């Protein structure tokens, strides 16, 4: 039987690999010409109300 440290290390490594592959798949499914690396968080136009 493996020690708990080895089991946790293997499980954590597998989880990191799965998460990284999902991020890569989601990042490559964006429409062409858009980059997810340097994109602003929100690209909305705001209407500012000026109080008089």
C-alpha atoms as a PDB file:
ATOM      1  CA  UNK A   1       0.000   0.000   0.000  1.00  0.00           C
ATOM      2  CA  UNK A   2       1.281   3.449  -0.935  1.00  0.00           C
ATOM      3  CA  UNK A   3       1.826   6.106   1.678  1.00  0.00           C
ATOM      4  CA  UNK A   4      -0.785   8.890   1.886  1.00  0.00           C
ATOM      5  CA  UNK A   5       1.758  11.478   0.736  1.00  0.00           C
ATOM      6  CA  UNK A   6       2.322   9.619  -2.540  1.00  0.00           C
ATOM      7  CA  UNK A   7      -1.414   9.217  -3.119  1.00  0.00           C
ATOM      8  CA  UNK A   8      -2.047  12.930  -2.503  1.00  0.00           C
ATOM      9  CA  UNK A   9       0.851  13.923  -4.766  1.00  0.00           C
ATOM     10  CA  UNK A  10      -0.405  11.723  -7.616  1.00  0.00           C
ATOM     11  CA  UNK A  11      -3.979  12.981  -7.211  1.00  0.00           C
ATOM     12  CA  UNK A  12      -2.875  16.615  -7.123  1.00  0.00           C
ATOM     13  CA  UNK A  13      -0.714  16.162 -10.219  1.00  0.00           C
ATOM     14  CA  UNK A  14      -3.599  14.548 -12.090  1.00  0.00           C
ATOM     15  CA  UNK A  15      -5.975  17.358 -11.069  1.00  0.00           C
ATOM     16  CA  UNK A  16      -3.524  20.022 -12.234  1.00  0.00           C
ATOM     17  CA  UNK A  17      -3.069  18.302 -15.586  1.00  0.00           C
ATOM     18  CA  UNK A  18      -6.828  18.022 -16.116  1.00  0.00           C
ATOM     19  CA  UNK A  19      -7.390  21.674 -15.188  1.00  0.00           C
ATOM     20  CA  UNK A  20      -4.583  22.853 -17.475  1.00  0.00           C
ATOM     21  CA  UNK A  21      -5.887  20.836 -20.409  1.00  0.00           C
ATOM     22  CA  UNK A  22      -9.402  22.212 -19.897  1.00  0.00           C
ATOM     23  CA  UNK A  23      -8.062  25.765 -19.838  1.00  0.00           C
ATOM     24  CA  UNK A  24      -6.158  25.138 -23.059  1.00  0.00           C
ATOM     25  CA  UNK A  25      -9.235  23.667 -24.762  1.00  0.00           C
ATOM     26  CA  UNK A  26     -11.472  26.546 -23.661  1.00  0.00           C
ATOM     27  CA  UNK A  27      -8.847  29.100 -24.696  1.00  0.00           C
ATOM     28  CA  UNK A  28      -8.461  27.645 -28.171  1.00  0.00           C
ATOM     29  CA  UNK A  29     -12.222  27.495 -28.799  1.00  0.00           C
ATOM     30  CA  UNK A  30     -12.547  31.291 -28.811  1.00  0.00           C
ATOM     31  CA  UNK A  31     -13.296  32.989 -32.091  1.00  0.00           C
ATOM     32  CA  UNK A  32     -10.240  33.621 -34.285  1.00  0.00           C
ATOM     33  CA  UNK A  33      -8.459  36.898 -33.796  1.00  0.00           C
ATOM     34  CA  UNK A  34      -9.241  37.245 -30.110  1.00  0.00           C
ATOM     35  CA  UNK A  35      -6.624  36.741 -27.462  1.00  0.00           C
ATOM     36  CA  UNK A  36      -7.546  35.764 -23.928  1.00  0.00           C
ATOM     37  CA  UNK A  37      -4.161  36.756 -22.516  1.00  0.00           C
ATOM     38  CA  UNK A  38      -4.218  40.546 -22.774  1.00  0.00           C
ATOM     39  CA  UNK A  39      -7.950  41.144 -23.090  1.00  0.00           C
ATOM     40  CA  UNK A  40      -9.507  43.684 -20.725  1.00  0.00           C
ATOM     41  CA  UNK A  41     -11.808  42.216 -18.095  1.00  0.00           C
ATOM     42  CA  UNK A  42     -14.819  44.189 -19.279  1.00  0.00           C
ATOM     43  CA  UNK A  43     -15.280  45.665 -22.724  1.00  0.00           C
ATOM     44  CA  UNK A  44     -18.485  47.534 -22.089  1.00  0.00           C
ATOM     45  CA  UNK A  45     -19.242  51.137 -22.838  1.00  0.00           C
ATOM     46  CA  UNK A  46     -20.373  52.995 -19.761  1.00  0.00           C
ATOM     47  CA  UNK A  47     -22.717  55.963 -19.849  1.00  0.00           C
ATOM     48  CA  UNK A  48     -21.716  58.403 -17.154  1.00  0.00           C
ATOM     49  CA  UNK A  49     -24.420  60.482 -15.573  1.00  0.00           C
ATOM     50  CA  UNK A  50     -23.229  63.921 -14.575  1.00  0.00           C
ATOM     51  CA  UNK A  51     -24.838  65.304 -11.478  1.00  0.00           C
ATOM     52  CA  UNK A  52     -25.474  69.046 -11.579  1.00  0.00           C
END
